Amino acid sequence: MGLTGVPDDHVATIVTTLEMTQRPALRAMPEAPLRLVRWPLPKPGKYRALFARVGAPWLWFSRLAMDEAALTAIIHDARVQVFAAVDRAGVEVGMLELDFRTPGACEIGYFALVPELAGRGHGRWLMAQALAHGWTKEVSRVWLHTCTLDHPSALNFYRAQGFVATKRTVETFPDPRLLGLLPGDAAPQVPLLTRSR
């Protein structure tokens, strides 16, 4: 066994790919005081704001680093479905992104609620929505990935929903807080080793 060094201005994580290859049995939709709203052609600024809100605690940054044309090409693609989870006051408190660009498959590209909603059962509601929208008649595989930077319960949650882990990889990337993509106090559970480059 050995340890692999990671530069101080980078972050490393273990990524687990999970999949579901059989449509789950029909079950009642869990109750939640939320509703799912489709964003057919989201404005990049609005999309990024929600992405950062739900993802900053877990160092999500990929869509923040994209230039506007590249981001728009994805989120306006007819094969990509973007949804916001909205509370009773109309505030966006979660996001779901389903990617059908690979024939026969649906990738749950992004799935998150604001941290304040953790542990209240809303994740089960959002996953039920994801599976209801993802399992179209053309789909034979629904898949996603999670990593060790995500919520500590994420992997077990996905497995409890019927996903099976199929692969692990290691990802390293420049710390998005040092790049100015996320504030320095984002994800305090991940030590920020270098304050400036």
Protein backbone atom coordinates (compact mmCIF):
# COMPACT_ATOMS: atom_id res chain seq x y z
CA MET A 1 0.00 0.00 0.00
CA GLY A 2 1.17 3.48 -0.67
CA LEU A 3 0.04 7.05 -0.50
CA THR A 4 -0.11 9.29 -3.55
CA GLY A 5 0.61 12.93 -2.98
CA VAL A 6 -1.82 15.61 -4.11
CA PRO A 7 -0.60 19.18 -4.69
CA ASP A 8 -1.74 21.62 -2.01
CA ASP A 9 -3.80 23.56 -4.55
CA HIS A 10 -5.66 20.43 -5.74
CA VAL A 11 -8.39 18.21 -4.31
CA ALA A 12 -8.70 14.45 -4.73
CA THR A 13 -11.77 12.27 -4.49
CA ILE A 14 -12.85 8.68 -5.14
CA VAL A 15 -15.69 8.56 -7.66
CA THR A 16 -18.13 5.64 -7.62
CA THR A 17 -20.28 4.90 -10.67
CA LEU A 18 -23.63 3.27 -9.94
CA GLU A 19 -26.31 1.94 -12.27
CA MET A 20 -29.79 0.50 -12.39
CA THR A 21 -30.50 -1.79 -15.35
CA GLN A 22 -34.06 -2.79 -14.55
CA ARG A 23 -36.98 -0.46 -14.15
CA PRO A 24 -37.97 -0.48 -10.46
CA ALA A 25 -41.40 -1.69 -9.41
CA LEU A 26 -44.05 0.99 -9.24
CA ARG A 27 -44.40 2.52 -5.82
CA ALA A 28 -46.21 5.45 -4.31
CA MET A 29 -44.52 8.81 -4.73
CA PRO A 30 -43.13 9.92 -1.34
CA GLU A 31 -44.83 13.00 0.04
CA ALA A 32 -42.90 16.26 0.14
CA PRO A 33 -43.79 19.94 0.40
CA LEU A 34 -41.85 20.47 -2.82
CA ARG A 35 -42.71 20.43 -6.49
CA LEU A 36 -40.57 19.73 -9.51
CA VAL A 37 -40.45 22.44 -12.18
CA ARG A 38 -38.98 21.81 -15.62
CA TRP A 39 -36.60 24.45 -16.95
CA PRO A 40 -36.81 23.86 -20.73
CA LEU A 41 -34.24 26.51 -21.73
CA PRO A 42 -32.62 27.72 -18.52
CA LYS A 43 -30.64 30.93 -18.60
CA PRO A 44 -27.00 30.13 -17.82
CA GLY A 45 -26.86 32.66 -14.97
CA LYS A 46 -29.96 31.26 -13.27
CA TYR A 47 -28.72 27.71 -13.80
CA ARG A 48 -25.29 28.51 -12.34
CA ALA A 49 -26.85 30.24 -9.32
CA LEU A 50 -28.86 27.14 -8.40
CA PHE A 51 -25.93 24.83 -9.24
CA ALA A 52 -23.69 26.79 -6.86
CA ARG A 53 -26.36 26.94 -4.16
CA VAL A 54 -26.89 23.19 -4.00
CA GLY A 55 -23.37 22.16 -5.00
CA ALA A 56 -20.95 24.49 -3.20
CA PRO A 57 -21.04 22.42 0.02
CA TRP A 58 -19.69 19.49 -2.01
CA LEU A 59 -17.28 21.51 -4.20
CA TRP A 60 -19.34 21.18 -7.37
CA PHE A 61 -17.65 23.44 -9.85
CA SER A 62 -17.65 21.91 -13.34
CA ARG A 63 -20.57 23.95 -14.69
CA LEU A 64 -19.19 27.10 -13.05
CA ALA A 65 -15.90 26.68 -14.94
CA MET A 66 -17.52 26.24 -18.37
CA ASP A 67 -17.79 29.16 -20.73
CA GLU A 68 -21.34 30.27 -21.42
CA ALA A 69 -21.52 28.80 -24.93
CA ALA A 70 -20.44 25.34 -23.78
CA LEU A 71 -22.83 25.38 -20.83
CA THR A 72 -25.73 26.61 -22.97
CA ALA A 73 -25.09 23.89 -25.54
CA ILE A 74 -25.61 21.28 -22.82
CA ILE A 75 -28.50 22.70 -20.86
CA HIS A 76 -30.42 23.71 -24.01
CA ASP A 77 -29.90 20.33 -25.69
CA ALA A 78 -33.30 18.70 -26.24
CA ARG A 79 -31.87 15.46 -24.80
CA VAL A 80 -31.00 17.10 -21.46
CA GLN A 81 -33.77 17.84 -18.96
CA VAL A 82 -33.15 20.37 -16.18
CA PHE A 83 -35.52 20.65 -13.23
CA ALA A 84 -35.65 22.77 -10.10
CA ALA A 85 -37.17 21.52 -6.86
CA VAL A 86 -39.24 24.40 -5.51
CA ASP A 87 -40.65 24.88 -2.02
CA ARG A 88 -44.08 26.25 -1.13
CA ALA A 89 -42.78 29.82 -1.22
CA GLY A 90 -41.51 29.32 -4.76
CA VAL A 91 -37.85 29.23 -3.72
CA GLU A 92 -35.61 26.86 -5.68
CA VAL A 93 -34.13 24.43 -3.14
CA GLY A 94 -32.84 21.62 -5.33
CA MET A 95 -31.93 20.56 -8.82
CA LEU A 96 -32.21 17.50 -11.00
CA GLU A 97 -30.56 17.10 -14.37
CA LEU A 98 -31.25 14.10 -16.59
CA ASP A 99 -29.02 13.45 -19.60
CA PHE A 100 -30.40 11.27 -22.41
CA ARG A 101 -27.63 12.05 -24.93
CA THR A 102 -26.40 8.44 -24.92
CA PRO A 103 -29.00 6.23 -26.67
CA GLY A 104 -30.69 3.77 -24.31
CA ALA A 105 -29.37 5.44 -21.18
CA CYS A 106 -30.31 8.17 -18.75
CA GLU A 107 -27.57 9.71 -16.66
CA ILE A 108 -28.67 11.48 -13.51
CA GLY A 109 -26.09 14.17 -14.09
CA TYR A 110 -26.91 16.35 -11.10
CA PHE A 111 -29.10 15.56 -8.11
CA ALA A 112 -29.11 17.72 -4.99
CA LEU A 113 -31.09 19.62 -2.43
CA VAL A 114 -29.86 22.49 -0.29
CA PRO A 115 -28.13 21.11 2.84
CA GLU A 116 -30.87 22.48 5.11
CA LEU A 117 -33.25 19.85 3.72
CA ALA A 118 -30.99 16.87 4.46
CA GLY A 119 -32.44 14.10 6.59
CA ARG A 120 -36.11 15.00 6.03
CA GLY A 121 -36.95 12.40 3.36
CA HIS A 122 -36.96 14.91 0.51
CA GLY A 123 -34.11 13.06 -1.20
CA ARG A 124 -36.35 10.01 -1.61
CA TRP A 125 -38.99 12.23 -3.19
CA LEU A 126 -36.46 13.76 -5.59
CA MET A 127 -35.08 10.33 -6.52
CA ALA A 128 -38.60 9.03 -7.15
CA GLN A 129 -39.06 11.99 -9.50
CA ALA A 130 -35.73 11.25 -11.18
CA LEU A 131 -36.65 7.63 -11.80
CA ALA A 132 -40.17 8.48 -12.97
CA HIS A 133 -38.75 10.89 -15.57
CA GLY A 134 -35.63 8.87 -16.37
CA TRP A 135 -37.15 5.48 -17.12
CA THR A 136 -38.66 6.21 -20.52
CA LYS A 137 -39.52 3.33 -22.84
CA GLU A 138 -36.23 3.77 -24.71
CA VAL A 139 -34.06 3.58 -21.57
CA SER A 140 -32.49 0.34 -20.34
CA ARG A 141 -29.94 1.88 -17.98
CA VAL A 142 -30.16 4.72 -15.48
CA TRP A 143 -26.85 5.65 -13.96
CA LEU A 144 -25.05 8.25 -11.90
CA HIS A 145 -21.87 8.82 -10.03
CA THR A 146 -21.07 10.09 -6.56
CA CYS A 147 -17.81 10.81 -4.84
CA THR A 148 -16.22 11.05 -1.42
CA LEU A 149 -16.73 14.84 -1.52
CA ASP A 150 -20.53 14.40 -1.65
CA HIS A 151 -22.78 14.12 1.40
CA PRO A 152 -21.49 11.27 3.61
CA SER A 153 -24.77 9.38 3.16
CA ALA A 154 -24.92 9.77 -0.64
CA LEU A 155 -23.46 6.40 -1.61
CA ASN A 156 -25.64 4.45 0.82
CA PHE A 157 -28.68 6.47 -0.25
CA TYR A 158 -28.19 5.57 -3.91
CA ARG A 159 -27.65 1.91 -3.07
CA ALA A 160 -30.83 1.90 -0.95
CA GLN A 161 -32.73 3.26 -3.97
CA GLY A 162 -31.67 0.22 -6.03
CA PHE A 163 -28.46 1.39 -7.71
CA VAL A 164 -25.50 -0.98 -7.88
CA ALA A 165 -21.91 0.23 -7.75
CA THR A 166 -19.99 -0.80 -10.88
CA LYS A 167 -16.75 1.17 -10.94
CA ARG A 168 -14.41 3.35 -8.88
CA THR A 169 -11.99 5.97 -10.14
CA VAL A 170 -9.84 8.65 -8.55
CA GLU A 171 -10.28 12.24 -9.67
CA THR A 172 -7.99 15.14 -8.87
CA PHE A 173 -8.65 18.74 -9.84
CA PRO A 174 -7.55 22.27 -8.96
CA ASP A 175 -9.35 23.47 -5.83
CA PRO A 176 -12.25 25.59 -7.16
CA ARG A 177 -12.04 27.87 -4.11
CA LEU A 178 -8.53 28.89 -5.12
CA LEU A 179 -9.69 29.50 -8.69
CA GLY A 180 -12.38 31.89 -7.46
CA LEU A 181 -15.20 29.64 -8.70
CA LEU A 182 -16.46 29.05 -5.16
CA PRO A 183 -16.01 31.11 -1.99
CA GLY A 184 -13.13 30.21 0.31
CA ASP A 185 -15.53 29.09 3.03
CA ALA A 186 -17.35 26.57 0.79
CA ALA A 187 -17.08 22.92 1.87
CA PRO A 188 -15.29 23.56 5.19
CA GLN A 189 -15.04 19.80 5.68
CA VAL A 190 -12.43 19.77 2.87
CA PRO A 191 -9.29 21.54 4.13
CA LEU A 192 -8.16 24.50 2.06
CA LEU A 193 -4.40 24.05 2.08
CA THR A 194 -3.31 27.05 0.03
CA ARG A 195 -4.89 30.48 0.39
CA SER A 196 -3.23 31.97 -2.69
CA ARG A 197 -1.29 30.73 -5.67
